[in-house]
Every structure is written in structure tokens, then in C-alpha cells.
Amino acid sequence: MSPTHFSISATFLIAMTGLVLCRTHLLSALLCLEMMMLSLYIGLSMWALQIHSTTPSLSPMVLLSFSACEASAGLALLVATARTHGSDRLQSFNLLRC
């Protein structure tokens, strides 16, 4: 495994570990999700460079645009929950009460 592949895999695993273990605030969960998406973007971009394709790959750009949409939706949810519940702590949310 090359150092590039190792660093991309380690970044993804660190973000996943952060998402699983540090679930106190919604903002930290959103940051971990964004870190996972960015590591996938870098991995897809590196893969497109390694196969020496003559045509540019659109998959990294599609993933980056989905990541931007996910980030904007997550921040909108963060603002909405902070306004209705008073904080962004995940323990204070009740999913059954809409």
C-alpha cells in the first residue's frame, strides 16, 4: 500500500471513528461526515490520475457537488434544531416528536 493510499484510508477511518465515538453535538457529526466525503473525493481524484485516462473523470466533481449539497442541508438542519431545541446536542433530540 502506497503512502497516499494509506493516508486517504486513514483519513476516512479517523472520520468514521470520530462519527461513531464523538456523537455529542450535531456539528461534530456533520464535520466528520464532511471529512469522510472529502477523503472520498481525494481518493477518486487520485484514482482518476493513476489510471492515466485521456478523458477527465466526472465522478469526483459529482461527488464534490453532492458533498456541497450535503453540507448546506446539514447546516440548515443545524440552524433549525438550534432554534427549536435551543442547542445542537444530539441527546436532546426526540425523533418521535415532530
Protein backbone atom coordinates (compact mmCIF):
# COMPACT_ATOMS: atom_id res chain seq x y z
CA MET A 1 0.00 0.00 0.00
CA SER A 2 1.44 3.33 -1.01
CA PRO A 3 1.67 6.21 1.45
CA THR A 4 -1.01 8.09 -0.49
CA HIS A 5 -3.48 5.23 -0.23
CA PHE A 6 -2.65 4.79 3.43
CA SER A 7 -3.22 8.45 4.24
CA ILE A 8 -6.54 8.55 2.38
CA SER A 9 -7.72 5.36 4.10
CA ALA A 10 -6.53 6.60 7.48
CA THR A 11 -8.36 9.90 6.99
CA PHE A 12 -11.58 8.08 6.15
CA LEU A 13 -11.24 5.72 9.13
CA ILE A 14 -10.42 8.56 11.54
CA ALA A 15 -13.53 10.41 10.37
CA MET A 16 -15.66 7.29 10.76
CA THR A 17 -14.24 6.70 14.24
CA GLY A 18 -15.00 10.30 15.14
CA LEU A 19 -18.54 9.90 13.90
CA VAL A 20 -19.08 6.75 15.96
CA LEU A 21 -17.39 7.84 19.19
CA CYS A 22 -17.94 11.60 19.46
CA ARG A 23 -21.68 11.92 18.99
CA THR A 24 -22.37 14.71 21.46
CA HIS A 25 -23.05 17.62 19.09
CA LEU A 26 -24.65 17.73 15.67
CA LEU A 27 -21.89 20.00 14.39
CA SER A 28 -19.17 17.44 15.20
CA ALA A 29 -21.15 14.73 13.40
CA LEU A 30 -21.53 16.98 10.35
CA LEU A 31 -17.80 17.76 10.35
CA CYS A 32 -16.98 14.05 10.47
CA LEU A 33 -19.32 13.40 7.55
CA GLU A 34 -17.70 16.21 5.59
CA MET A 35 -14.24 14.79 6.31
CA MET A 36 -15.38 11.41 5.03
CA MET A 37 -16.73 12.96 1.83
CA LEU A 38 -13.53 14.93 1.24
CA SER A 39 -11.37 11.84 1.69
CA LEU A 40 -13.56 10.01 -0.84
CA TYR A 41 -13.18 12.96 -3.22
CA ILE A 42 -9.40 12.90 -2.91
CA GLY A 43 -9.38 9.12 -3.36
CA LEU A 44 -11.47 9.34 -6.55
CA SER A 45 -9.30 12.14 -7.89
CA MET A 46 -6.12 10.16 -7.24
CA TRP A 47 -7.67 7.08 -8.85
CA ALA A 48 -8.51 9.09 -11.97
CA LEU A 49 -4.90 10.27 -12.13
CA GLN A 50 -3.48 6.78 -11.64
CA ILE A 51 -5.40 5.12 -14.46
CA HIS A 52 -3.98 7.69 -16.90
CA SER A 53 -7.32 8.35 -18.51
CA THR A 54 -7.36 10.58 -21.56
CA THR A 55 -10.81 11.90 -20.72
CA PRO A 56 -11.39 13.62 -17.40
CA SER A 57 -13.48 11.72 -14.92
CA LEU A 58 -16.70 13.37 -13.82
CA SER A 59 -17.20 11.25 -10.70
CA PRO A 60 -15.00 13.41 -8.41
CA MET A 61 -16.87 16.54 -9.47
CA VAL A 62 -20.26 14.90 -8.95
CA LEU A 63 -19.14 13.72 -5.50
CA LEU A 64 -17.91 17.21 -4.65
CA SER A 65 -21.21 18.78 -5.69
CA PHE A 66 -23.15 16.21 -3.62
CA SER A 67 -20.84 16.99 -0.71
CA ALA A 68 -21.62 20.69 -1.01
CA CYS A 69 -25.35 19.95 -1.09
CA GLU A 70 -24.99 17.69 1.96
CA ALA A 71 -23.09 20.39 3.83
CA SER A 72 -25.70 23.04 3.08
CA ALA A 73 -28.55 20.73 4.11
CA GLY A 74 -26.68 19.79 7.29
CA LEU A 75 -26.10 23.42 8.22
CA ALA A 76 -29.77 24.21 7.58
CA LEU A 77 -30.71 21.35 9.91
CA LEU A 78 -28.24 22.64 12.49
CA VAL A 79 -29.77 26.11 12.43
CA ALA A 80 -33.31 24.72 12.57
CA THR A 81 -32.58 22.42 15.51
CA ALA A 82 -30.68 25.11 17.37
CA ARG A 83 -33.67 27.43 17.01
CA THR A 84 -36.28 24.87 18.06
CA HIS A 85 -34.39 22.93 20.75
CA GLY A 86 -32.01 25.62 21.98
CA SER A 87 -28.84 23.57 21.42
CA ASP A 88 -27.21 21.20 18.98
CA ARG A 89 -26.71 18.35 21.44
CA LEU A 90 -27.84 15.05 19.94
CA GLN A 91 -29.13 13.73 23.28
CA SER A 92 -31.73 16.49 23.49
CA PHE A 93 -33.42 15.49 20.21
CA ASN A 94 -36.52 13.35 20.25
CA LEU A 95 -37.17 11.87 16.82
CA LEU A 96 -40.67 10.71 17.72
CA ARG A 97 -41.83 14.27 18.44
CA CYS A 98 -42.18 16.14 15.14
